[in-house]
Every structure is written in structure tokens, then in C-alpha cells.
Protein backbone atom coordinates (compact mmCIF):
# COMPACT_ATOMS: atom_id res chain seq x y z
CA MET A 1 121.04 112.06 96.59
CA LYS A 2 119.07 111.78 93.19
CA MET A 3 117.80 108.58 94.68
CA LEU A 4 116.70 109.85 98.55
CA ILE A 5 115.17 113.26 96.62
CA ARG A 6 113.56 110.73 94.44
CA TRP A 7 111.90 108.96 97.46
CA VAL A 8 110.87 111.72 98.98
CA LEU A 9 109.34 112.93 96.63
CA LEU A 10 107.04 109.85 95.41
CA ALA A 11 105.82 109.53 98.81
CA ALA A 12 104.68 113.09 98.61
CA ALA A 13 102.83 112.44 95.53
CA LEU A 14 101.46 109.40 97.47
CA LEU A 15 99.87 111.94 99.71
CA LEU A 16 98.45 113.89 96.83
CA VAL A 17 96.72 110.98 95.32
CA ALA A 18 94.80 110.39 98.73
CA HIS A 19 93.73 113.65 98.77
CA LEU A 20 92.57 114.00 95.27
CA TYR A 21 90.74 110.81 95.14
CA PRO A 22 88.78 109.20 97.91
CA GLY A 23 89.72 105.97 97.46
CA VAL A 24 93.21 106.03 98.58
CA VAL A 25 93.51 106.50 102.46
CA VAL A 26 97.67 107.39 103.56
CA ALA A 27 97.26 107.53 107.74
CA SER A 28 100.66 109.77 107.39
CA PHE A 29 104.19 110.74 105.84
CA THR A 30 106.04 107.96 107.67
CA SER A 31 103.41 105.72 106.06
CA ALA A 32 103.60 106.91 102.72
CA MET A 33 107.63 107.10 102.34
CA ILE A 34 107.09 102.82 103.47
CA ALA A 35 104.66 102.65 100.87
CA ALA A 36 106.54 104.02 98.20
CA LEU A 37 109.86 102.44 99.12
CA VAL A 38 106.80 99.04 98.54
CA LEU A 39 105.49 99.67 95.31
CA GLY A 40 109.07 100.67 94.06
CA LEU A 41 110.78 96.53 95.19
CA PHE A 42 107.06 95.27 93.64
CA ASN A 43 108.15 97.25 90.95
CA ALA A 44 111.17 96.23 90.92
CA VAL A 45 110.90 92.51 91.58
CA LEU A 46 107.57 91.74 91.06
CA ARG A 47 106.13 94.18 87.65
CA PRO A 48 108.70 92.59 85.77
CA LEU A 49 108.13 88.82 86.43
CA LEU A 50 104.31 89.52 85.77
CA VAL A 51 104.69 91.98 82.20
CA ILE A 52 106.38 88.31 81.00
CA LEU A 53 103.98 86.20 82.15
CA THR A 54 101.04 88.01 81.01
CA LEU A 55 102.71 89.34 77.84
CA PRO A 56 100.27 87.53 75.30
CA VAL A 57 97.54 88.87 77.17
CA THR A 58 99.02 92.39 76.81
CA LEU A 59 99.86 92.03 73.49
CA LEU A 60 96.09 91.45 72.60
CA THR A 61 95.31 94.45 74.63
CA LEU A 62 97.33 96.62 72.55
CA GLY A 63 99.30 97.06 75.40
CA LEU A 64 96.44 98.29 77.75
CA PHE A 65 96.75 95.22 80.44
CA LEU A 66 100.21 97.07 81.46
CA PHE A 67 97.83 99.67 83.22
CA VAL A 68 95.88 96.16 85.14
CA ILE A 69 99.44 94.95 86.32
CA ASN A 70 100.41 99.07 88.16
CA ALA A 71 96.52 98.41 89.78
CA LEU A 72 97.53 95.25 91.27
CA MET A 73 100.59 96.28 92.14
CA PHE A 74 99.25 99.17 94.07
CA TYR A 75 96.23 96.59 95.42
CA PHE A 76 99.37 94.55 96.78
CA ALA A 77 101.11 97.27 98.48
CA ALA A 78 97.84 98.25 99.84
CA ASN A 79 96.89 95.11 101.20
CA VAL A 80 100.82 94.57 102.52
CA LEU A 81 100.80 97.51 104.94
CA ASP A 82 99.19 99.03 107.47
CA GLY A 83 98.91 102.85 107.50
CA PHE A 84 98.26 102.77 103.51
CA SER A 85 94.58 101.58 102.14
CA VAL A 86 93.04 101.22 98.65
CA ARG A 87 89.31 100.71 98.44
CA GLY A 88 88.28 98.02 95.78
CA PHE A 89 90.13 97.31 92.27
CA VAL A 90 88.96 100.46 90.77
CA ALA A 91 90.78 102.49 93.31
CA ALA A 92 93.66 101.20 93.05
CA LEU A 93 93.91 101.54 89.03
CA ILE A 94 92.49 105.24 89.14
CA GLY A 95 95.34 105.68 92.07
CA SER A 96 97.57 103.87 90.27
CA LEU A 97 97.00 106.05 87.32
CA ILE A 98 97.88 108.97 89.25
CA TYR A 99 100.46 108.20 91.00
CA SER A 100 102.22 107.17 87.88
CA LEU A 101 101.88 110.40 86.37
CA CYS A 102 103.16 112.37 89.15
CA GLY A 103 105.70 109.69 88.80
CA LEU A 104 106.57 110.87 85.62
CA VAL A 105 106.63 114.73 86.55
CA ILE A 106 108.95 114.39 89.07
CA ASP A 107 111.27 112.26 87.08
CA ALA A 108 111.21 114.77 84.67
CA ALA A 109 112.32 117.31 86.82
CA LEU A 110 114.75 115.86 88.50
CA GLU A 111 116.44 114.91 84.98
CA ALA A 112 116.15 118.75 84.34
CA LEU A 113 117.63 119.71 88.20
CA PHE A 114 120.25 117.43 87.83
CA ALA A 115 120.98 117.58 84.48
CA ARG A 116 121.77 121.42 84.57
CA ARG A 117 124.39 120.60 87.95
CA ARG A 118 127.16 118.89 85.37
């Protein structure tokens, strides 16, 4: 149940990103749901591989290169999907930052909600 609620909230967060920043466009809530799913899959499968492959660069930049990796995941998801688009790499970077902040808030809220139910 928690995963389903998180998925719906992350889709809503993606719509919020599109509303706040004009460089990110989401056509509908259905597109946002699919995009949130694809972003989750990319972050679960591709991101760890990219983090390991770019570890020297990440260490040299004191972890700042992880922002680039997050932006790449956002940009790749937009390129794969219809109904979700990003206008360039800078838009992907800003969109991924806003989306990540929303994800942190959602995770903290869900932890507090489900911890109270135990």
C-alpha cells in the first residue's frame, strides 16, 4: 500500500515540477504516473551502474557529479516517453532537483504516517 501511495504522490510531484518550471512538460496525470514509474526503474537499475562507472569523477567533484547523473536519468526518461518532455539538459537538472526535493518530503511524510500506524 505504501508503494502505491508513494507512486501516486511522486506522479503528483512530477506535475508540480511541470507547473513550477516551464522547461518540464507533462501532458496528463497518466503520463505523470508512467513517467514516475520509468524514473523509478531508471533510478533503480541504471543509476547504480552510472554511479560506479563515474566514481572517480564523483570523488573529484566531491559528489557534485551525482547531480549530473540525476539530471541524466530525468532527461533519459523524458526522451523515452511520450507526454513527458524536458527542454534541454539545464531544464533536466533543475527539474530533477525539484523532483528530488519533493521525493524527500514525500518519503519523510510517508515514514511519519506509517510509523504512527504501527
